[in-house]
Amino acid sequence: MLRPGVRAVRKADLFASLVVFLVALPLCVGIAVASGVPAELGLVTGIVGGLVAGVLPGSSLQVSGPAAGLTVLVLEAVGAYGLQVLGVVVLAAGLVQVGLGALGLGRWFRAVSVAVVQGMLAGIGLVLVTGQVYALGDAAAPPGGLGKLSGLVSLPGRVDPVALSVGGATMVVLLLWGRWRRGARLVPAPLVAVVPAAAVTWVFDLEVRRVRVQGLWDAVRVPGPADFGRLTEVGVLGTVVAFALIASAESLFSAAAVDRLHDGRRTDYDRELMSQGTGNAVCGALGALPMTAVIVRSAANVQAGARTKASRVLHGVWLLLFTAVVPGVLGLIPVAALAALLVHAGCKLVPVREVLKLWRGHRGEVLVLGVTAVAIVVGNLFEGVLVGLALAVAKTAWEISHVHVETEDLGDAGIVVRVVGHATFLRLPKLLDALDALPADREVRLELGGLRHVDHACAAALEGWAAARERRTERAGGLQGEVASSSSTS
């Protein structure tokens, strides 16, 4: 017979698993549709997130599954290489994650600039919103971030009013139900919004686009030898690296956030990274979407009272049962309702409050965040993150490369010049300007003992300046000697 404490824990985990299942179900389907893949593949990833990643060590309370943060990257990959390559890309990315975790590199993902991560999320959110606004009205979205933005001008004339009504009503329910905290804890807002939309669409037989249903086994596709051969392509390898790094960063940042929500055991970042990689390897072997730890589902799990990893495992069981028993229900869901769900999720990815806080104290970080987001919207996710990282590194290098030139006038003994700080090429113009401004007719002694770091560019420039100064002094001394000799002769 179970002790009362154990019985209470199991009851709490069972309730939490049902809450997470209800949150995850519409999100898994919506993210799959937005990624341009069959809806069932989103559910497969959710199932693997529960049954595989859920039982492995790492973070005990965070929940894994398909994430809105990877929607843009998946859509780009499927568009460029085809759905048949998605599985091998996700599988390879998972193996990269396992390797990173085994090497003990999980904790280093926390060293990534927060501004870059927030800029990445903001860029993803903007791309997701601009893409799903078209789906709200059953209109075709133009390709590319700039194309979607420019197409918004002509969008009002192309939307289906019926689909727009369904999507708009779904959005209103999401916003209103989410404000009622007690109700949202009992029944998640995504479910409350999507189920009535599907029911109304079915009852009144509305002419709107609905989710296409293939069946679970028809949607799953195991990668073949020809698919693995695509890994020799530079573009495919770049996509693998992007999947691995971005999924890892999102999962570990989510783990840090979840740790702040409870007082239980802290996350082992290396083990969590290996767990996420194993889950992604399984998802790839099934041809499904990549997974990450998802803060929305994880927060719902903690707030519902979960105590152990049993809750996240059970949520995978419920997803599996739903997919196996009533898969036809997916065909009742209007795409416009899922689009409203993703527009809402995309808006929440834009860190408006964090930007306002940064603007008051760290405006340089706001620049990094904004440039990263714009680069993602204009280009793509991988290039945008690289631009953000490069800008963050350049900003940090500029801030730490402080160099000061201190002068002391000793009268007839000349001038002592002390260079203090970090002499890098970034501060070279300032350093040379200060040295060139010294009087040409005075003896100067240059002291570099206060420098903590001198790069090659500065070392060469200082040597060149000293040599030029010495030559000028010698020429000046020679001219003075000639003048003196001429005077004595006369």
Protein backbone atom coordinates (compact mmCIF):
# COMPACT_ATOMS: atom_id res chain seq x y z
CA MET A 1 0.00 0.00 0.00
CA LEU A 2 1.29 3.43 -0.97
CA ARG A 3 2.15 5.91 1.73
CA PRO A 4 0.02 9.11 1.77
CA GLY A 5 3.01 11.22 0.67
CA VAL A 6 3.76 9.02 -2.32
CA ARG A 7 0.07 8.88 -3.23
CA ALA A 8 -0.11 12.71 -3.16
CA VAL A 9 2.96 13.00 -5.41
CA ARG A 10 1.52 10.57 -7.96
CA LYS A 11 -1.83 12.35 -7.94
CA ALA A 12 -0.10 15.70 -8.49
CA ASP A 13 1.98 14.28 -11.36
CA LEU A 14 -1.10 12.73 -12.98
CA PHE A 15 -3.00 16.02 -12.88
CA ALA A 16 0.01 17.96 -14.16
CA SER A 17 0.47 15.51 -17.05
CA LEU A 18 -3.12 16.07 -18.19
CA VAL A 19 -2.66 19.85 -18.06
CA VAL A 20 0.57 19.65 -20.08
CA PHE A 21 -1.10 17.31 -22.59
CA LEU A 22 -3.91 19.80 -23.13
CA VAL A 23 -1.38 22.61 -23.61
CA ALA A 24 0.87 20.57 -25.89
CA LEU A 25 -1.78 19.07 -28.19
CA PRO A 26 -2.79 22.20 -30.14
CA LEU A 27 0.75 23.59 -30.05
CA CYS A 28 2.25 20.39 -31.53
CA VAL A 29 -0.26 20.49 -34.37
CA GLY A 30 0.05 24.23 -34.95
CA ILE A 31 3.86 24.23 -35.02
CA ALA A 32 3.87 21.33 -37.49
CA VAL A 33 1.46 23.10 -39.83
CA ALA A 34 3.44 26.35 -39.61
CA SER A 35 6.65 24.39 -40.33
CA GLY A 36 5.21 23.03 -43.57
CA VAL A 37 5.09 19.38 -42.47
CA PRO A 38 2.20 16.97 -41.74
CA ALA A 39 0.44 17.70 -38.46
CA GLU A 40 1.15 14.19 -37.18
CA LEU A 41 4.91 14.85 -37.16
CA GLY A 42 4.43 17.52 -34.51
CA LEU A 43 2.62 14.99 -32.36
CA VAL A 44 5.38 12.42 -32.93
CA THR A 45 7.92 14.92 -31.61
CA GLY A 46 5.72 15.61 -28.59
CA ILE A 47 5.42 11.87 -27.93
CA VAL A 48 9.19 11.36 -28.17
CA GLY A 49 9.72 14.39 -25.94
CA GLY A 50 7.66 12.67 -23.26
CA LEU A 51 8.56 9.00 -23.63
CA VAL A 52 12.26 9.37 -24.51
CA ALA A 53 13.62 12.71 -23.28
CA GLY A 54 11.17 12.56 -20.36
CA VAL A 55 12.74 9.47 -18.79
CA LEU A 56 16.36 10.57 -19.23
CA PRO A 57 18.30 12.56 -16.60
CA GLY A 58 18.80 16.31 -16.72
CA SER A 59 15.97 18.60 -15.71
CA SER A 60 13.22 16.74 -13.88
CA LEU A 61 10.33 19.12 -14.53
CA GLN A 62 10.81 20.74 -17.92
CA VAL A 63 8.84 19.36 -20.87
CA SER A 64 10.18 18.81 -24.38
CA GLY A 65 8.47 18.89 -27.76
CA PRO A 66 8.27 20.88 -30.99
CA ALA A 67 8.99 24.56 -30.35
CA ALA A 68 7.87 27.75 -32.03
CA GLY A 69 11.49 28.90 -31.86
CA LEU A 70 12.54 26.35 -34.51
CA THR A 71 9.53 26.82 -36.80
CA VAL A 72 11.30 29.30 -39.06
CA LEU A 73 14.42 27.15 -39.38
CA VAL A 74 12.42 24.00 -40.16
CA LEU A 75 10.34 25.83 -42.76
CA GLU A 76 13.52 27.09 -44.45
CA ALA A 77 15.14 23.64 -44.36
CA VAL A 78 12.08 21.86 -45.78
CA GLY A 79 11.73 24.50 -48.49
CA ALA A 80 15.40 24.24 -49.48
CA TYR A 81 16.05 20.49 -49.23
CA GLY A 82 12.65 18.81 -49.06
CA LEU A 83 10.74 16.99 -46.35
CA GLN A 84 12.67 13.77 -46.99
CA VAL A 85 15.91 15.37 -45.71
CA LEU A 86 14.38 16.70 -42.48
CA GLY A 87 14.80 13.41 -40.64
CA VAL A 88 18.50 13.01 -41.34
CA VAL A 89 19.16 16.66 -40.43
CA VAL A 90 17.37 16.29 -37.09
CA LEU A 91 19.11 12.95 -36.42
CA ALA A 92 22.54 14.43 -37.11
CA ALA A 93 21.75 17.49 -34.99
CA GLY A 94 20.75 15.21 -32.12
CA LEU A 95 24.04 13.33 -32.33
CA VAL A 96 25.90 16.67 -32.26
CA GLN A 97 24.00 17.60 -29.09
CA VAL A 98 24.88 14.27 -27.46
CA GLY A 99 28.55 14.87 -28.33
CA LEU A 100 28.49 18.39 -26.89
CA GLY A 101 26.94 17.13 -23.68
CA ALA A 102 29.43 14.25 -23.41
CA LEU A 103 32.30 16.74 -23.76
CA GLY A 104 30.89 18.79 -20.89
CA LEU A 105 30.04 21.80 -23.04
CA GLY A 106 26.43 22.16 -21.89
CA ARG A 107 27.19 24.78 -19.25
CA TRP A 108 28.99 26.96 -21.81
CA PHE A 109 25.74 27.67 -23.63
CA ARG A 110 24.93 29.93 -20.69
CA ALA A 111 27.83 32.13 -21.79
CA VAL A 112 25.94 33.22 -24.91
CA SER A 113 24.96 36.89 -24.74
CA VAL A 114 21.44 37.27 -23.38
CA ALA A 115 20.88 40.08 -25.89
CA VAL A 116 21.62 37.66 -28.76
CA VAL A 117 19.21 35.06 -27.37
CA GLN A 118 16.48 37.64 -26.86
CA GLY A 119 17.15 39.05 -30.32
CA MET A 120 16.89 35.53 -31.75
CA LEU A 121 13.54 34.99 -30.03
CA ALA A 122 12.31 38.43 -31.14
CA GLY A 123 13.32 37.72 -34.74
CA ILE A 124 11.64 34.32 -34.68
CA GLY A 125 8.54 35.87 -33.16
CA LEU A 126 8.35 38.58 -35.84
CA VAL A 127 8.83 36.08 -38.68
CA LEU A 128 6.25 33.76 -37.12
CA VAL A 129 3.72 36.56 -36.73
CA THR A 130 4.20 37.95 -40.25
CA GLY A 131 3.83 34.46 -41.71
CA GLN A 132 0.82 33.39 -39.67
CA VAL A 133 -1.08 36.65 -40.25
CA TYR A 134 -1.64 35.40 -43.80
CA ALA A 135 -2.88 32.03 -42.52
CA LEU A 136 -5.40 33.86 -40.31
CA GLY A 137 -7.25 34.75 -43.49
CA ASP A 138 -6.41 31.61 -45.52
CA ALA A 139 -4.16 33.70 -47.78
CA ALA A 140 -0.89 32.49 -49.31
CA ALA A 141 2.20 34.02 -47.72
CA PRO A 142 4.95 35.44 -49.98
CA PRO A 143 8.43 33.91 -49.63
CA GLY A 144 11.09 35.56 -47.47
CA GLY A 145 10.85 37.86 -44.48
CA LEU A 146 10.90 41.06 -46.52
CA GLY A 147 8.34 39.62 -48.93
CA LYS A 148 5.97 38.89 -46.07
CA LEU A 149 6.42 42.37 -44.63
CA SER A 150 5.84 44.13 -47.96
CA GLY A 151 2.89 41.86 -48.74
CA LEU A 152 1.02 43.06 -45.67
CA VAL A 153 0.06 46.19 -47.64
CA SER A 154 -2.06 44.21 -50.09
CA LEU A 155 -3.19 41.55 -47.59
CA PRO A 156 -6.63 43.05 -46.73
CA GLY A 157 -7.88 42.45 -50.27
CA ARG A 158 -6.84 38.79 -50.30
CA VAL A 159 -8.16 37.40 -47.03
CA ASP A 160 -11.16 35.11 -46.67
CA PRO A 161 -13.59 36.90 -44.30
CA VAL A 162 -14.92 33.62 -42.88
CA ALA A 163 -11.44 32.31 -42.04
CA LEU A 164 -10.46 35.70 -40.64
CA SER A 165 -13.53 35.63 -38.39
CA VAL A 166 -12.60 32.19 -37.08
CA GLY A 167 -9.01 33.24 -36.48
CA GLY A 168 -9.98 36.54 -34.90
CA ALA A 169 -12.46 34.88 -32.55
CA THR A 170 -9.79 32.35 -31.54
CA MET A 171 -7.40 35.19 -30.76
CA VAL A 172 -9.99 36.96 -28.59
CA VAL A 173 -10.66 33.77 -26.61
CA LEU A 174 -6.91 33.25 -26.12
CA LEU A 175 -6.44 36.75 -24.74
CA LEU A 176 -9.52 36.77 -22.50
CA TRP A 177 -9.16 33.26 -21.11
CA GLY A 178 -5.46 33.79 -20.45
CA ARG A 179 -6.30 36.77 -18.21
CA TRP A 180 -8.46 34.56 -15.98
CA ARG A 181 -5.66 32.86 -14.07
CA ARG A 182 -7.79 30.40 -12.15
CA GLY A 183 -9.58 29.19 -15.28
CA ALA A 184 -6.35 29.03 -17.29
CA ARG A 185 -4.80 26.78 -14.66
CA LEU A 186 -7.69 24.31 -14.88
CA VAL A 187 -8.14 24.36 -18.67
CA PRO A 188 -5.30 25.82 -20.81
CA ALA A 189 -6.17 28.77 -23.02
CA PRO A 190 -4.95 27.12 -26.28
CA LEU A 191 -7.41 24.27 -25.83
CA VAL A 192 -10.30 26.59 -24.88
CA ALA A 193 -9.62 28.64 -28.00
CA VAL A 194 -9.09 25.86 -30.57
CA VAL A 195 -11.83 23.39 -29.57
CA PRO A 196 -14.77 25.83 -30.00
CA ALA A 197 -13.28 27.02 -33.30
CA ALA A 198 -13.17 23.42 -34.55
CA ALA A 199 -16.68 22.73 -33.26
CA VAL A 200 -18.21 25.81 -34.90
CA THR A 201 -16.42 25.09 -38.17
CA TRP A 202 -17.73 21.51 -38.16
CA VAL A 203 -21.29 22.27 -37.06
CA PHE A 204 -21.83 25.04 -39.61
CA ASP A 205 -19.67 23.38 -42.27
CA LEU A 206 -17.72 26.57 -42.85
CA GLU A 207 -15.63 26.78 -46.02
CA VAL A 208 -12.24 27.32 -44.42
CA ARG A 209 -8.95 25.51 -44.77
CA ARG A 210 -8.51 22.72 -42.23
CA VAL A 211 -5.64 20.59 -41.03
CA ARG A 212 -4.77 17.82 -43.47
CA VAL A 213 -4.68 14.39 -41.86
CA GLN A 214 -2.49 11.61 -43.28
CA GLY A 215 -2.46 9.16 -40.41
CA LEU A 216 0.43 8.64 -38.03
CA TRP A 217 2.18 5.80 -39.84
CA ASP A 218 1.79 7.44 -43.25
CA ALA A 219 3.38 10.63 -41.97
CA VAL A 220 6.40 8.94 -40.36
CA ARG A 221 9.31 8.47 -42.75
CA VAL A 222 12.55 6.74 -41.76
CA PRO A 223 15.56 8.31 -43.55
CA GLY A 224 17.17 6.15 -46.22
CA PRO A 225 20.80 5.83 -47.44
CA ALA A 226 20.25 8.49 -50.11
CA ASP A 227 19.10 10.94 -47.43
CA PHE A 228 22.28 10.40 -45.41
CA GLY A 229 24.27 11.14 -48.54
CA ARG A 230 22.94 14.71 -48.43
CA LEU A 231 25.07 15.31 -45.35
CA THR A 232 28.02 15.89 -47.70
CA GLU A 233 26.40 19.14 -48.86
CA VAL A 234 27.67 22.30 -47.20
CA GLY A 235 24.17 23.80 -46.88
CA VAL A 236 22.78 20.69 -45.19
CA LEU A 237 25.71 20.56 -42.76
CA GLY A 238 25.16 24.23 -41.93
CA THR A 239 21.51 23.44 -41.19
CA VAL A 240 22.56 20.58 -38.90
CA VAL A 241 24.83 22.92 -36.93
CA ALA A 242 22.08 25.55 -36.75
CA PHE A 243 19.54 23.00 -35.48
CA ALA A 244 21.96 21.67 -32.86
CA LEU A 245 23.15 25.01 -31.52
CA ILE A 246 19.80 26.80 -31.49
CA ALA A 247 17.88 23.83 -30.05
CA SER A 248 20.57 23.41 -27.36
CA ALA A 249 20.59 27.08 -26.43
CA GLU A 250 16.78 27.24 -26.25
CA SER A 251 16.60 24.06 -24.14
CA LEU A 252 19.26 25.14 -21.66
CA PHE A 253 17.89 28.65 -21.30
CA SER A 254 14.50 27.06 -20.67
CA ALA A 255 16.08 24.81 -18.03
CA ALA A 256 17.54 27.86 -16.26
CA ALA A 257 14.13 29.53 -16.29
CA VAL A 258 12.37 26.40 -14.98
CA ASP A 259 14.89 26.07 -12.15
CA ARG A 260 13.77 29.50 -10.95
CA LEU A 261 10.15 28.29 -10.79
CA HIS A 262 10.65 25.50 -8.25
CA ASP A 263 12.76 24.53 -5.24
CA GLY A 264 13.60 21.00 -6.34
CA ARG A 265 16.74 19.51 -7.82
CA ARG A 266 18.68 21.81 -10.15
CA THR A 267 19.37 20.94 -13.78
CA ASP A 268 22.53 19.11 -14.82
CA TYR A 269 23.14 20.98 -18.08
CA ASP A 270 25.41 18.39 -19.68
CA ARG A 271 22.99 15.55 -18.98
CA GLU A 272 20.06 17.66 -20.14
CA LEU A 273 21.88 18.37 -23.40
CA MET A 274 22.52 14.66 -23.92
CA SER A 275 18.85 13.91 -23.18
CA GLN A 276 17.71 16.49 -25.70
CA GLY A 277 20.16 15.10 -28.25
CA THR A 278 18.93 11.55 -27.73
CA GLY A 279 15.35 12.71 -28.19
CA ASN A 280 16.26 14.56 -31.37
CA ALA A 281 18.09 11.50 -32.71
CA VAL A 282 14.92 9.45 -32.22
CA CYS A 283 12.79 12.19 -33.80
CA GLY A 284 15.16 12.25 -36.77
CA ALA A 285 14.98 8.48 -37.15
CA LEU A 286 11.18 8.87 -37.45
CA GLY A 287 11.41 11.83 -39.83
CA ALA A 288 9.72 14.14 -37.31
CA LEU A 289 10.26 17.73 -36.18
CA PRO A 290 13.20 18.65 -33.92
CA MET A 291 12.51 19.06 -30.22
CA THR A 292 13.60 21.48 -27.55
CA ALA A 293 12.59 22.04 -23.98
CA VAL A 294 9.62 24.42 -24.15
CA ILE A 295 9.13 27.02 -21.45
CA VAL A 296 5.34 27.31 -21.96
CA ARG A 297 4.74 23.61 -21.36
CA SER A 298 7.39 23.44 -18.65
CA ALA A 299 5.88 26.36 -16.75
CA ALA A 300 2.43 24.76 -17.03
CA ASN A 301 3.90 21.54 -15.63
CA VAL A 302 5.40 23.30 -12.60
CA GLN A 303 2.33 25.46 -11.97
CA ALA A 304 0.06 22.39 -12.14
CA GLY A 305 1.98 20.92 -9.19
CA ALA A 306 4.29 18.37 -10.85
CA ARG A 307 6.75 16.78 -8.43
CA THR A 308 8.73 14.28 -10.56
CA LYS A 309 9.54 13.46 -14.17
CA ALA A 310 6.49 11.13 -14.24
CA SER A 311 4.29 14.05 -15.32
CA ARG A 312 6.24 14.73 -18.50
CA VAL A 313 6.42 11.02 -19.35
CA LEU A 314 2.66 10.66 -18.90
CA HIS A 315 1.98 13.67 -21.13
CA GLY A 316 3.74 11.73 -23.90
CA VAL A 317 1.50 8.73 -23.17
CA TRP A 318 -1.64 10.85 -23.52
CA LEU A 319 -0.39 12.28 -26.83
CA LEU A 320 0.28 8.77 -28.11
CA LEU A 321 -3.18 7.54 -27.07
CA PHE A 322 -4.86 10.55 -28.69
CA THR A 323 -2.94 10.08 -31.95
CA ALA A 324 -3.69 6.34 -32.03
CA VAL A 325 -7.36 6.45 -30.99
CA VAL A 326 -8.87 9.63 -32.45
CA PRO A 327 -6.53 10.93 -35.19
CA GLY A 328 -9.49 12.06 -37.33
CA VAL A 329 -10.24 14.86 -34.85
CA LEU A 330 -7.24 16.75 -36.24
CA GLY A 331 -9.05 17.15 -39.56
CA LEU A 332 -11.71 19.28 -37.85
CA ILE A 333 -9.27 21.98 -36.74
CA PRO A 334 -9.29 25.12 -38.94
CA VAL A 335 -5.85 26.37 -39.94
CA ALA A 336 -6.95 29.92 -39.08
CA ALA A 337 -7.43 28.89 -35.43
CA LEU A 338 -3.93 27.41 -35.28
CA ALA A 339 -2.59 30.56 -36.93
CA ALA A 340 -4.15 32.64 -34.16
CA LEU A 341 -2.47 30.36 -31.63
CA LEU A 342 0.93 30.89 -33.27
CA VAL A 343 0.48 34.65 -33.70
CA HIS A 344 -0.19 34.79 -29.97
CA ALA A 345 2.90 32.65 -29.29
CA GLY A 346 5.00 34.75 -31.67
CA CYS A 347 4.04 37.99 -29.95
CA LYS A 348 5.07 36.52 -26.61
CA LEU A 349 8.52 35.76 -28.04
CA VAL A 350 9.20 39.48 -28.55
CA PRO A 351 10.75 40.59 -25.23
CA VAL A 352 9.21 44.07 -24.96
CA ARG A 353 9.68 44.40 -21.17
CA GLU A 354 13.29 43.23 -21.35
CA VAL A 355 14.03 45.77 -24.09
CA LEU A 356 12.68 48.59 -21.94
CA LYS A 357 14.83 47.46 -18.99
CA LEU A 358 17.93 47.21 -21.17
CA TRP A 359 17.30 50.62 -22.71
CA ARG A 360 17.47 52.25 -19.28
CA GLY A 361 20.85 50.75 -18.39
CA HIS A 362 22.49 48.93 -21.30
CA ARG A 363 21.66 50.56 -24.61
CA GLY A 364 24.46 48.73 -26.37
CA GLU A 365 22.67 45.46 -25.56
CA VAL A 366 19.50 46.83 -27.17
CA LEU A 367 21.53 47.46 -30.34
CA VAL A 368 22.73 43.84 -30.37
CA LEU A 369 19.17 42.59 -29.76
CA GLY A 370 17.68 44.79 -32.49
CA VAL A 371 20.33 43.98 -35.11
CA THR A 372 19.95 40.24 -34.43
CA ALA A 373 16.17 40.41 -34.81
CA VAL A 374 16.32 42.49 -38.01
CA ALA A 375 18.98 40.20 -39.53
CA ILE A 376 16.74 37.19 -38.90
CA VAL A 377 13.72 38.89 -40.47
CA VAL A 378 15.67 40.13 -43.50
CA GLY A 379 17.85 37.05 -43.96
CA ASN A 380 17.39 33.77 -42.11
CA LEU A 381 17.72 32.42 -38.60
CA PHE A 382 21.24 31.03 -38.83
CA GLU A 383 22.72 34.13 -40.46
CA GLY A 384 20.89 36.40 -38.02
CA VAL A 385 22.30 34.57 -34.99
CA LEU A 386 25.83 34.70 -36.47
CA VAL A 387 25.46 38.46 -37.04
CA GLY A 388 24.23 38.91 -33.46
CA LEU A 389 27.09 36.87 -31.98
CA ALA A 390 29.67 38.78 -34.04
CA LEU A 391 28.21 42.10 -32.95
CA ALA A 392 28.12 41.01 -29.30
CA VAL A 393 31.78 39.95 -29.44
CA ALA A 394 32.77 43.21 -31.15
CA LYS A 395 30.85 45.24 -28.55
CA THR A 396 32.50 43.36 -25.69
CA ALA A 397 35.95 43.76 -27.25
CA TRP A 398 35.36 47.49 -27.65
CA GLU A 399 34.20 47.87 -24.06
CA ILE A 400 37.10 45.99 -22.47
CA SER A 401 39.84 47.48 -24.67
CA HIS A 402 40.24 50.64 -22.59
CA VAL A 403 43.62 52.30 -22.87
CA HIS A 404 44.73 55.49 -21.08
CA VAL A 405 47.73 57.69 -21.88
CA GLU A 406 49.07 59.48 -18.79
CA THR A 407 51.76 62.18 -19.08
CA GLU A 408 54.04 63.65 -16.42
CA ASP A 409 56.12 66.76 -17.16
CA LEU A 410 59.51 66.57 -15.38
CA GLY A 411 60.75 69.95 -16.64
CA ASP A 412 64.28 69.79 -17.98
CA ALA A 413 64.28 66.01 -17.53
CA GLY A 414 61.60 65.71 -20.24
CA ILE A 415 58.17 64.07 -20.29
CA VAL A 416 57.22 60.62 -18.98
CA VAL A 417 54.36 58.95 -20.87
CA ARG A 418 52.64 55.93 -19.29
CA VAL A 419 50.23 53.77 -21.31
CA VAL A 420 47.80 51.84 -19.07
CA GLY A 421 45.05 49.30 -19.85
CA HIS A 422 44.41 47.03 -22.86
CA ALA A 423 46.07 48.16 -26.08
CA THR A 424 44.14 46.55 -28.97
CA PHE A 425 43.65 47.56 -32.58
CA LEU A 426 40.22 48.92 -31.66
CA ARG A 427 41.83 51.69 -29.60
CA LEU A 428 44.87 52.23 -31.84
CA PRO A 429 43.66 55.53 -33.38
CA LYS A 430 43.09 57.00 -29.90
CA LEU A 431 46.51 55.83 -28.70
CA LEU A 432 48.41 57.22 -31.70
CA ASP A 433 46.55 60.53 -31.56
CA ALA A 434 47.60 60.98 -27.93
CA LEU A 435 51.26 60.13 -28.69
CA ASP A 436 51.44 62.31 -31.79
CA ALA A 437 50.17 65.27 -29.76
CA LEU A 438 53.30 65.25 -27.57
CA PRO A 439 55.72 68.20 -28.04
CA ALA A 440 58.27 67.44 -30.73
CA ASP A 441 61.06 69.44 -29.00
CA ARG A 442 60.99 67.59 -25.66
CA GLU A 443 62.61 64.35 -24.60
CA VAL A 444 59.97 61.65 -24.08
CA ARG A 445 60.28 58.42 -22.06
CA LEU A 446 57.57 55.87 -22.93
CA GLU A 447 56.62 53.43 -20.14
CA LEU A 448 54.44 50.39 -21.05
CA GLY A 449 54.54 48.53 -17.73
CA GLY A 450 50.90 49.41 -17.00
CA LEU A 451 49.58 47.56 -20.07
CA ARG A 452 47.80 44.31 -19.23
CA HIS A 453 47.48 43.30 -22.86
CA VAL A 454 49.07 44.45 -26.12
CA ASP A 455 48.02 42.93 -29.43
CA HIS A 456 50.32 42.69 -32.44
CA ALA A 457 48.87 45.76 -34.19
CA CYS A 458 49.48 48.00 -31.19
CA ALA A 459 52.94 46.56 -30.50
CA ALA A 460 54.00 47.25 -34.09
CA ALA A 461 52.48 50.76 -34.01
CA LEU A 462 54.27 51.63 -30.73
CA GLU A 463 57.59 50.38 -32.07
CA GLY A 464 57.07 52.41 -35.25
CA TRP A 465 56.17 55.53 -33.28
CA ALA A 466 59.24 55.20 -31.03
CA ALA A 467 61.55 54.68 -34.02
CA ALA A 468 60.07 57.69 -35.84
CA ARG A 469 60.39 59.82 -32.70
CA GLU A 470 64.03 58.81 -32.31
CA ARG A 471 64.80 59.68 -35.93
CA ARG A 472 63.19 63.10 -35.56
CA THR A 473 65.20 63.72 -32.38
CA GLU A 474 68.44 62.75 -34.10
CA ARG A 475 67.70 65.01 -37.07
CA ALA A 476 66.83 67.87 -34.72
CA GLY A 477 70.10 67.30 -32.81
CA GLY A 478 72.08 67.26 -36.06
CA LEU A 479 70.54 70.52 -37.22
CA GLN A 480 71.31 72.18 -33.88
CA GLY A 481 74.96 71.03 -34.15
CA GLU A 482 75.27 72.50 -37.65
CA VAL A 483 73.83 75.83 -36.49
CA ALA A 484 76.25 75.95 -33.53
CA SER A 485 79.24 75.18 -35.77
CA SER A 486 78.27 77.86 -38.25
CA SER A 487 77.94 80.44 -35.46
CA SER A 488 81.40 79.69 -34.01
CA THR A 489 83.10 79.99 -37.43
CA SER A 490 81.59 83.36 -38.10
